[in-house]
Amino acid sequence: MAESIATATSDCTKMTLCPKFTKTFSILGKKWNGMILEVLLNHGPSRFKDIAGAVAKCSDRVLVERLKELEGEGLIDRLTHPDSALIEYALTPKGAALEPVMAAAHTWGDGWLSDGECGQ
């Protein structure tokens, strides 16, 4: 038993995080990204003004940056419509695959955060 504890302790000093896990949290942990993805998960393809309205505290400049970043990561597509000025943003299959992650975040928040901690 003591040998396994010593092994575990020595293994902990060498512990590193998986690069894929680190990359995932660098995307999801960036301010506003989770909220933007949540809007698209809940409402489907959405116009900039609708996303901006749902993520009201995010400035337009930052929202544009985040949308470009999420598009660059392959999580959302910028959809243009022929013969129209309409531009929408929609989740790609890669972005939609985050639905269980977002649902787990909701479940955790419901179980561990009070309304007062959320400013309500």
Protein backbone atom coordinates (compact mmCIF):
# COMPACT_ATOMS: atom_id res chain seq x y z
CA MET A 1 0.00 0.00 0.00
CA ALA A 2 2.76 2.45 0.93
CA GLU A 3 4.48 1.74 -2.39
CA SER A 4 1.39 2.74 -4.40
CA ILE A 5 1.08 5.97 -2.42
CA ALA A 6 4.72 6.81 -3.09
CA THR A 7 4.24 6.06 -6.77
CA ALA A 8 1.14 8.19 -6.93
CA THR A 9 2.93 11.04 -5.16
CA SER A 10 5.91 10.89 -7.48
CA ASP A 11 3.58 10.68 -10.49
CA CYS A 12 1.78 13.84 -9.32
CA THR A 13 4.98 15.85 -9.52
CA LYS A 14 5.17 14.94 -13.21
CA MET A 15 1.52 15.68 -13.91
CA THR A 16 0.72 17.69 -17.01
CA LEU A 17 -2.55 18.61 -18.62
CA CYS A 18 -3.53 17.08 -21.91
CA PRO A 19 -2.91 19.57 -24.76
CA LYS A 20 -6.39 18.90 -26.16
CA PHE A 21 -7.97 19.68 -22.79
CA THR A 22 -5.87 22.84 -22.53
CA LYS A 23 -6.90 23.95 -26.03
CA THR A 24 -10.57 23.26 -25.27
CA PHE A 25 -10.48 25.47 -22.19
CA SER A 26 -8.52 28.18 -24.00
CA ILE A 27 -11.49 28.41 -26.39
CA LEU A 28 -14.37 27.94 -23.94
CA GLY A 29 -12.71 29.89 -21.15
CA LYS A 30 -12.30 33.04 -23.20
CA LYS A 31 -14.73 35.69 -22.05
CA TRP A 32 -18.03 35.68 -23.99
CA ASN A 33 -17.31 32.54 -26.06
CA GLY A 34 -19.48 30.29 -23.90
CA MET A 35 -22.34 32.78 -24.01
CA ILE A 36 -22.11 33.13 -27.79
CA LEU A 37 -22.13 29.37 -28.24
CA GLU A 38 -25.07 29.06 -25.84
CA VAL A 39 -27.09 31.60 -27.86
CA LEU A 40 -26.47 29.63 -31.06
CA LEU A 41 -27.25 26.31 -29.34
CA ASN A 42 -30.56 27.66 -28.04
CA HIS A 43 -31.69 29.79 -30.98
CA GLY A 44 -30.01 28.31 -34.05
CA PRO A 45 -28.61 30.53 -36.80
CA SER A 46 -28.69 34.12 -35.59
CA ARG A 47 -27.91 37.58 -36.85
CA PHE A 48 -25.21 39.69 -35.23
CA LYS A 49 -27.78 42.04 -33.67
CA ASP A 50 -29.61 39.11 -32.07
CA ILE A 51 -26.41 37.66 -30.61
CA ALA A 52 -25.40 41.13 -29.40
CA GLY A 53 -28.80 41.54 -27.74
CA ALA A 54 -28.49 38.23 -25.93
CA VAL A 55 -24.90 38.88 -24.82
CA ALA A 56 -25.68 42.47 -23.88
CA LYS A 57 -22.57 43.29 -21.81
CA CYS A 58 -20.20 42.37 -24.65
CA SER A 59 -19.20 45.32 -26.83
CA ASP A 60 -19.77 45.07 -30.57
CA ARG A 61 -16.02 45.25 -31.19
CA VAL A 62 -15.30 42.32 -28.87
CA LEU A 63 -18.26 40.35 -30.23
CA VAL A 64 -16.87 40.71 -33.77
CA GLU A 65 -13.48 39.45 -32.52
CA ARG A 66 -15.01 36.48 -30.73
CA LEU A 67 -17.17 35.50 -33.71
CA LYS A 68 -14.09 35.56 -35.96
CA GLU A 69 -12.15 33.46 -33.44
CA LEU A 70 -14.94 30.90 -33.12
CA GLU A 71 -15.18 30.77 -36.91
CA GLY A 72 -11.42 30.26 -37.10
CA GLU A 73 -11.69 27.37 -34.63
CA GLY A 74 -14.32 25.76 -36.85
CA LEU A 75 -17.09 26.09 -34.25
CA ILE A 76 -19.31 28.50 -36.16
CA ASP A 77 -19.94 29.46 -39.78
CA ARG A 78 -20.67 32.94 -41.07
CA LEU A 79 -23.55 32.50 -43.50
CA THR A 80 -24.18 35.03 -46.23
CA HIS A 81 -27.35 34.89 -48.30
CA PRO A 82 -27.23 35.58 -52.04
CA ASP A 83 -29.02 38.71 -53.18
CA SER A 84 -29.32 39.88 -49.57
CA ALA A 85 -27.29 41.75 -47.01
CA LEU A 86 -28.40 39.20 -44.41
CA ILE A 87 -25.52 37.60 -42.51
CA GLU A 88 -26.11 34.93 -39.90
CA TYR A 89 -23.89 32.88 -37.65
CA ALA A 90 -24.56 29.18 -37.14
CA LEU A 91 -22.91 26.33 -35.32
CA THR A 92 -20.91 23.83 -37.31
CA PRO A 93 -21.18 20.15 -36.35
CA LYS A 94 -18.01 20.68 -34.29
CA GLY A 95 -19.70 23.56 -32.42
CA ALA A 96 -22.97 21.69 -31.99
CA ALA A 97 -21.02 18.83 -30.42
CA LEU A 98 -20.41 21.14 -27.44
CA GLU A 99 -24.09 20.83 -26.43
CA PRO A 100 -23.45 18.17 -23.74
CA VAL A 101 -20.58 20.27 -22.35
CA MET A 102 -22.84 23.31 -22.08
CA ALA A 103 -25.63 21.19 -20.56
CA ALA A 104 -23.15 19.91 -17.96
CA ALA A 105 -22.18 23.51 -17.15
CA HIS A 106 -25.89 24.32 -16.62
CA THR A 107 -26.31 21.30 -14.36
CA TRP A 108 -23.26 22.22 -12.32
CA GLY A 109 -24.40 25.85 -11.98
CA ASP A 110 -27.92 24.81 -10.97
CA GLY A 111 -26.50 22.56 -8.29
CA TRP A 112 -23.72 24.72 -6.91
CA LEU A 113 -24.51 28.41 -7.49
CA SER A 114 -27.15 30.43 -5.70
CA ASP A 115 -29.21 33.15 -7.38
CA GLY A 116 -27.37 35.69 -5.21
CA GLU A 117 -23.99 34.56 -6.58
CA CYS A 118 -25.32 35.23 -10.07
CA GLY A 119 -26.47 38.76 -9.31
CA GLN A 120 -30.15 37.81 -9.21
